[in-house]
Amino acid sequence: MRHVYIRGIMGLIWLVAAILSGVSGNYPMAALYVLLGGVFLYSAYTTWKKENEGGM
C-alpha cells in the first residue's frame, strides 16, 4: 500500500510543478508536468482499486 501513497504524492508534486510552470509562463513544460502528474495519479488510483477489490 505504501507504493500507492508514494505514487499519489509524486503525482501531486508534478501537478504543483505544472501550476508553478504555468504561472511563470513556461506552458510547454506545464503541459508535460500535467501529463506526468496525471500518469502518476492514474497509476496510484488503479493500483489502489485493484488492491481494494480483493478485500470485499
PDB file of N, CA and C in Angstrom:
ATOM      1  N   MET A   1       0.820  -1.191   0.000  1.00  0.00           N
ATOM      2  CA  MET A   1       0.000   0.000   0.000  1.00  0.00           C
ATOM      3  C   MET A   1       0.873   1.268   0.000  1.00  0.00           C
ATOM      4  N   ARG A   2       2.091   1.125   0.478  1.00  0.00           N
ATOM      5  CA  ARG A   2       2.979   2.280   0.556  1.00  0.00           C
ATOM      6  C   ARG A   2       3.277   2.845  -0.825  1.00  0.00           C
ATOM      7  N   HIS A   3       3.403   1.969  -1.837  1.00  0.00           N
ATOM      8  CA  HIS A   3       3.705   2.447  -3.184  1.00  0.00           C
ATOM      9  C   HIS A   3       2.558   3.274  -3.760  1.00  0.00           C
ATOM     10  N   VAL A   4       1.337   3.006  -3.325  1.00  0.00           N
ATOM     11  CA  VAL A   4       0.197   3.806  -3.773  1.00  0.00           C
ATOM     12  C   VAL A   4       0.319   5.224  -3.224  1.00  0.00           C
ATOM     13  N   TYR A   5       0.689   5.341  -1.956  1.00  0.00           N
ATOM     14  CA  TYR A   5       0.871   6.661  -1.354  1.00  0.00           C
ATOM     15  C   TYR A   5       2.011   7.419  -2.023  1.00  0.00           C
ATOM     16  N   ILE A   6       3.093   6.721  -2.308  1.00  0.00           N
ATOM     17  CA  ILE A   6       4.243   7.372  -2.944  1.00  0.00           C
ATOM     18  C   ILE A   6       3.866   7.868  -4.332  1.00  0.00           C
ATOM     19  N   ARG A   7       3.158   7.043  -5.097  1.00  0.00           N
ATOM     20  CA  ARG A   7       2.725   7.473  -6.430  1.00  0.00           C
ATOM     21  C   ARG A   7       1.770   8.655  -6.350  1.00  0.00           C
ATOM     22  N   GLY A   8       0.878   8.648  -5.388  1.00  0.00           N
ATOM     23  CA  GLY A   8      -0.048   9.757  -5.211  1.00  0.00           C
ATOM     24  C   GLY A   8       0.670  11.050  -4.861  1.00  0.00           C
ATOM     25  N   ILE A   9       1.636  10.957  -3.968  1.00  0.00           N
ATOM     26  CA  ILE A   9       2.408  12.139  -3.590  1.00  0.00           C
ATOM     27  C   ILE A   9       3.223  12.644  -4.767  1.00  0.00           C
ATOM     28  N   MET A  10       3.825  11.735  -5.520  1.00  0.00           N
ATOM     29  CA  MET A  10       4.595  12.150  -6.694  1.00  0.00           C
ATOM     30  C   MET A  10       3.686  12.826  -7.726  1.00  0.00           C
ATOM     31  N   GLY A  11       2.482  12.301  -7.903  1.00  0.00           N
ATOM     32  CA  GLY A  11       1.537  12.914  -8.819  1.00  0.00           C
ATOM     33  C   GLY A  11       1.168  14.322  -8.394  1.00  0.00           C
ATOM     34  N   LEU A  12       0.950  14.518  -7.100  1.00  0.00           N
ATOM     35  CA  LEU A  12       0.629  15.856  -6.603  1.00  0.00           C
ATOM     36  C   LEU A  12       1.800  16.818  -6.762  1.00  0.00           C
ATOM     37  N   ILE A  13       3.013  16.321  -6.563  1.00  0.00           N
ATOM     38  CA  ILE A  13       4.201  17.160  -6.748  1.00  0.00           C
ATOM     39  C   ILE A  13       4.307  17.602  -8.202  1.00  0.00           C
ATOM     40  N   TRP A  14       4.058  16.684  -9.148  1.00  0.00           N
ATOM     41  CA  TRP A  14       4.102  17.052 -10.563  1.00  0.00           C
ATOM     42  C   TRP A  14       3.035  18.087 -10.897  1.00  0.00           C
ATOM     43  N   LEU A  15       1.854  17.953 -10.289  1.00  0.00           N
ATOM     44  CA  LEU A  15       0.803  18.925 -10.565  1.00  0.00           C
ATOM     45  C   LEU A  15       1.143  20.303  -9.987  1.00  0.00           C
ATOM     46  N   VAL A  16       1.784  20.349  -8.835  1.00  0.00           N
ATOM     47  CA  VAL A  16       2.236  21.626  -8.278  1.00  0.00           C
ATOM     48  C   VAL A  16       3.290  22.238  -9.189  1.00  0.00           C
ATOM     49  N   ALA A  17       4.191  21.409  -9.706  1.00  0.00           N
ATOM     50  CA  ALA A  17       5.199  21.910 -10.650  1.00  0.00           C
ATOM     51  C   ALA A  17       4.531  22.448 -11.907  1.00  0.00           C
ATOM     52  N   ALA A  18       3.453  21.817 -12.349  1.00  0.00           N
ATOM     53  CA  ALA A  18       2.730  22.299 -13.527  1.00  0.00           C
ATOM     54  C   ALA A  18       2.112  23.662 -13.257  1.00  0.00           C
ATOM     55  N   ILE A  19       1.548  23.837 -12.083  1.00  0.00           N
ATOM     56  CA  ILE A  19       0.955  25.126 -11.735  1.00  0.00           C
ATOM     57  C   ILE A  19       2.022  26.208 -11.697  1.00  0.00           C
ATOM     58  N   LEU A  20       3.151  25.899 -11.073  1.00  0.00           N
ATOM     59  CA  LEU A  20       4.227  26.889 -10.997  1.00  0.00           C
ATOM     60  C   LEU A  20       4.788  27.218 -12.376  1.00  0.00           C
ATOM     61  N   SER A  21       4.896  26.231 -13.237  1.00  0.00           N
ATOM     62  CA  SER A  21       5.381  26.484 -14.593  1.00  0.00           C
ATOM     63  C   SER A  21       4.371  27.298 -15.387  1.00  0.00           C
ATOM     64  N   GLY A  22       3.107  27.032 -15.184  1.00  0.00           N
ATOM     65  CA  GLY A  22       2.073  27.799 -15.875  1.00  0.00           C
ATOM     66  C   GLY A  22       2.054  29.247 -15.430  1.00  0.00           C
ATOM     67  N   VAL A  23       2.251  29.474 -14.142  1.00  0.00           N
ATOM     68  CA  VAL A  23       2.275  30.839 -13.625  1.00  0.00           C
ATOM     69  C   VAL A  23       3.483  31.595 -14.173  1.00  0.00           C
ATOM     70  N   SER A  24       4.606  30.899 -14.291  1.00  0.00           N
ATOM     71  CA  SER A  24       5.816  31.561 -14.783  1.00  0.00           C
ATOM     72  C   SER A  24       5.796  31.738 -16.303  1.00  0.00           C
ATOM     73  N   GLY A  25       4.841  31.123 -16.991  1.00  0.00           N
ATOM     74  CA  GLY A  25       4.703  31.303 -18.425  1.00  0.00           C
ATOM     75  C   GLY A  25       5.367  30.240 -19.274  1.00  0.00           C
ATOM     76  N   ASN A  26       5.856  29.197 -18.668  1.00  0.00           N
ATOM     77  CA  ASN A  26       6.506  28.113 -19.396  1.00  0.00           C
ATOM     78  C   ASN A  26       5.456  27.030 -19.694  1.00  0.00           C
ATOM     79  N   TYR A  27       4.610  27.291 -20.694  1.00  0.00           N
ATOM     80  CA  TYR A  27       3.457  26.434 -20.960  1.00  0.00           C
ATOM     81  C   TYR A  27       3.804  25.050 -21.498  1.00  0.00           C
ATOM     82  N   PRO A  28       4.832  24.882 -22.333  1.00  0.00           N
ATOM     83  CA  PRO A  28       5.144  23.513 -22.774  1.00  0.00           C
ATOM     84  C   PRO A  28       5.564  22.600 -21.615  1.00  0.00           C
ATOM     85  N   MET A  29       6.336  23.135 -20.689  1.00  0.00           N
ATOM     86  CA  MET A  29       6.732  22.315 -19.535  1.00  0.00           C
ATOM     87  C   MET A  29       5.545  22.082 -18.611  1.00  0.00           C
ATOM     88  N   ALA A  30       4.663  23.060 -18.495  1.00  0.00           N
ATOM     89  CA  ALA A  30       3.470  22.886 -17.671  1.00  0.00           C
ATOM     90  C   ALA A  30       2.612  21.751 -18.226  1.00  0.00           C
ATOM     91  N   ALA A  31       2.498  21.683 -19.546  1.00  0.00           N
ATOM     92  CA  ALA A  31       1.724  20.600 -20.152  1.00  0.00           C
ATOM     93  C   ALA A  31       2.372  19.242 -19.881  1.00  0.00           C
ATOM     94  N   LEU A  32       3.690  19.199 -19.966  1.00  0.00           N
ATOM     95  CA  LEU A  32       4.399  17.958 -19.672  1.00  0.00           C
ATOM     96  C   LEU A  32       4.198  17.538 -18.222  1.00  0.00           C
ATOM     97  N   TYR A  33       4.252  18.500 -17.311  1.00  0.00           N
ATOM     98  CA  TYR A  33       4.078  18.190 -15.891  1.00  0.00           C
ATOM     99  C   TYR A  33       2.658  17.734 -15.588  1.00  0.00           C
ATOM    100  N   VAL A  34       1.677  18.307 -16.271  1.00  0.00           N
ATOM    101  CA  VAL A  34       0.293  17.850 -16.085  1.00  0.00           C
ATOM    102  C   VAL A  34       0.161  16.412 -16.557  1.00  0.00           C
ATOM    103  N   LEU A  35       0.779  16.101 -17.683  1.00  0.00           N
ATOM    104  CA  LEU A  35       0.741  14.736 -18.198  1.00  0.00           C
ATOM    105  C   LEU A  35       1.403  13.765 -17.218  1.00  0.00           C
ATOM    106  N   LEU A  36       2.572  14.117 -16.715  1.00  0.00           N
ATOM    107  CA  LEU A  36       3.263  13.249 -15.762  1.00  0.00           C
ATOM    108  C   LEU A  36       2.471  13.089 -14.469  1.00  0.00           C
ATOM    109  N   GLY A  37       1.915  14.178 -13.972  1.00  0.00           N
ATOM    110  CA  GLY A  37       1.101  14.099 -12.767  1.00  0.00           C
ATOM    111  C   GLY A  37      -0.111  13.215 -12.966  1.00  0.00           C
ATOM    112  N   GLY A  38      -0.744  13.348 -14.126  1.00  0.00           N
ATOM    113  CA  GLY A  38      -1.899  12.508 -14.420  1.00  0.00           C
ATOM    114  C   GLY A  38      -1.549  11.037 -14.498  1.00  0.00           C
ATOM    115  N   VAL A  39      -0.405  10.735 -15.086  1.00  0.00           N
ATOM    116  CA  VAL A  39       0.028   9.334 -15.190  1.00  0.00           C
ATOM    117  C   VAL A  39       0.284   8.750 -13.810  1.00  0.00           C
ATOM    118  N   PHE A  40       0.964   9.508 -12.954  1.00  0.00           N
ATOM    119  CA  PHE A  40       1.238   9.010 -11.602  1.00  0.00           C
ATOM    120  C   PHE A  40      -0.055   8.825 -10.814  1.00  0.00           C
ATOM    121  N   LEU A  41      -0.963   9.790 -10.892  1.00  0.00           N
ATOM    122  CA  LEU A  41      -2.212   9.682 -10.136  1.00  0.00           C
ATOM    123  C   LEU A  41      -3.098   8.565 -10.673  1.00  0.00           C
ATOM    124  N   TYR A  42      -3.126   8.380 -11.992  1.00  0.00           N
ATOM    125  CA  TYR A  42      -3.903   7.293 -12.568  1.00  0.00           C
ATOM    126  C   TYR A  42      -3.337   5.936 -12.136  1.00  0.00           C
ATOM    127  N   SER A  43      -2.029   5.832 -12.140  1.00  0.00           N
ATOM    128  CA  SER A  43      -1.389   4.590 -11.716  1.00  0.00           C
ATOM    129  C   SER A  43      -1.693   4.291 -10.249  1.00  0.00           C
ATOM    130  N   ALA A  44      -1.637   5.312  -9.414  1.00  0.00           N
ATOM    131  CA  ALA A  44      -1.940   5.119  -7.991  1.00  0.00           C
ATOM    132  C   ALA A  44      -3.395   4.703  -7.809  1.00  0.00           C
ATOM    133  N   TYR A  45      -4.287   5.325  -8.555  1.00  0.00           N
ATOM    134  CA  TYR A  45      -5.713   5.014  -8.419  1.00  0.00           C
ATOM    135  C   TYR A  45      -6.023   3.587  -8.860  1.00  0.00           C
ATOM    136  N   THR A  46      -5.479   3.185 -10.010  1.00  0.00           N
ATOM    137  CA  THR A  46      -5.774   1.833 -10.487  1.00  0.00           C
ATOM    138  C   THR A  46      -5.189   0.769  -9.566  1.00  0.00           C
ATOM    139  N   THR A  47      -4.009   1.019  -9.032  1.00  0.00           N
ATOM    140  CA  THR A  47      -3.413   0.066  -8.092  1.00  0.00           C
ATOM    141  C   THR A  47      -4.224  -0.001  -6.812  1.00  0.00           C
ATOM    142  N   TRP A  48      -4.683   1.144  -6.337  1.00  0.00           N
ATOM    143  CA  TRP A  48      -5.497   1.188  -5.129  1.00  0.00           C
ATOM    144  C   TRP A  48      -6.810   0.430  -5.325  1.00  0.00           C
ATOM    145  N   LYS A  49      -7.448   0.639  -6.490  1.00  0.00           N
ATOM    146  CA  LYS A  49      -8.697  -0.063  -6.766  1.00  0.00           C
ATOM    147  C   LYS A  49      -8.479  -1.575  -6.851  1.00  0.00           C
ATOM    148  N   LYS A  50      -7.369  -1.986  -7.467  1.00  0.00           N
ATOM    149  CA  LYS A  50      -7.092  -3.410  -7.608  1.00  0.00           C
ATOM    150  C   LYS A  50      -6.858  -4.064  -6.244  1.00  0.00           C
ATOM    151  N   GLU A  51      -6.166  -3.356  -5.354  1.00  0.00           N
ATOM    152  CA  GLU A  51      -5.900  -3.911  -4.025  1.00  0.00           C
ATOM    153  C   GLU A  51      -7.162  -3.954  -3.179  1.00  0.00           C
ATOM    154  N   ASN A  52      -8.066  -3.008  -3.342  1.00  0.00           N
ATOM    155  CA  ASN A  52      -9.284  -2.978  -2.542  1.00  0.00           C
ATOM    156  C   ASN A  52     -10.370  -3.889  -3.096  1.00  0.00           C
ATOM    157  N   GLU A  53     -10.256  -4.314  -4.324  1.00  0.00           N
ATOM    158  CA  GLU A  53     -11.234  -5.227  -4.906  1.00  0.00           C
ATOM    159  C   GLU A  53     -11.228  -6.571  -4.199  1.00  0.00           C
ATOM    160  N   GLY A  54     -10.069  -7.078  -3.860  1.00  0.00           N
ATOM    161  CA  GLY A  54      -9.968  -8.384  -3.222  1.00  0.00           C
ATOM    162  C   GLY A  54     -10.471  -8.382  -1.782  1.00  0.00           C
ATOM    163  N   GLY A  55     -10.496  -7.229  -1.133  1.00  0.00           N
ATOM    164  CA  GLY A  55     -10.916  -7.146   0.257  1.00  0.00           C
ATOM    165  C   GLY A  55     -12.405  -7.258   0.451  1.00  0.00           C
ATOM    166  N   MET A  56     -13.191  -7.055  -0.594  1.00  0.00           N
ATOM    167  CA  MET A  56     -14.653  -7.073  -0.446  1.00  0.00           C
ATOM    168  C   MET A  56     -15.115  -8.447  -0.570  1.00  0.00           C
TER     169      MET A  56
END
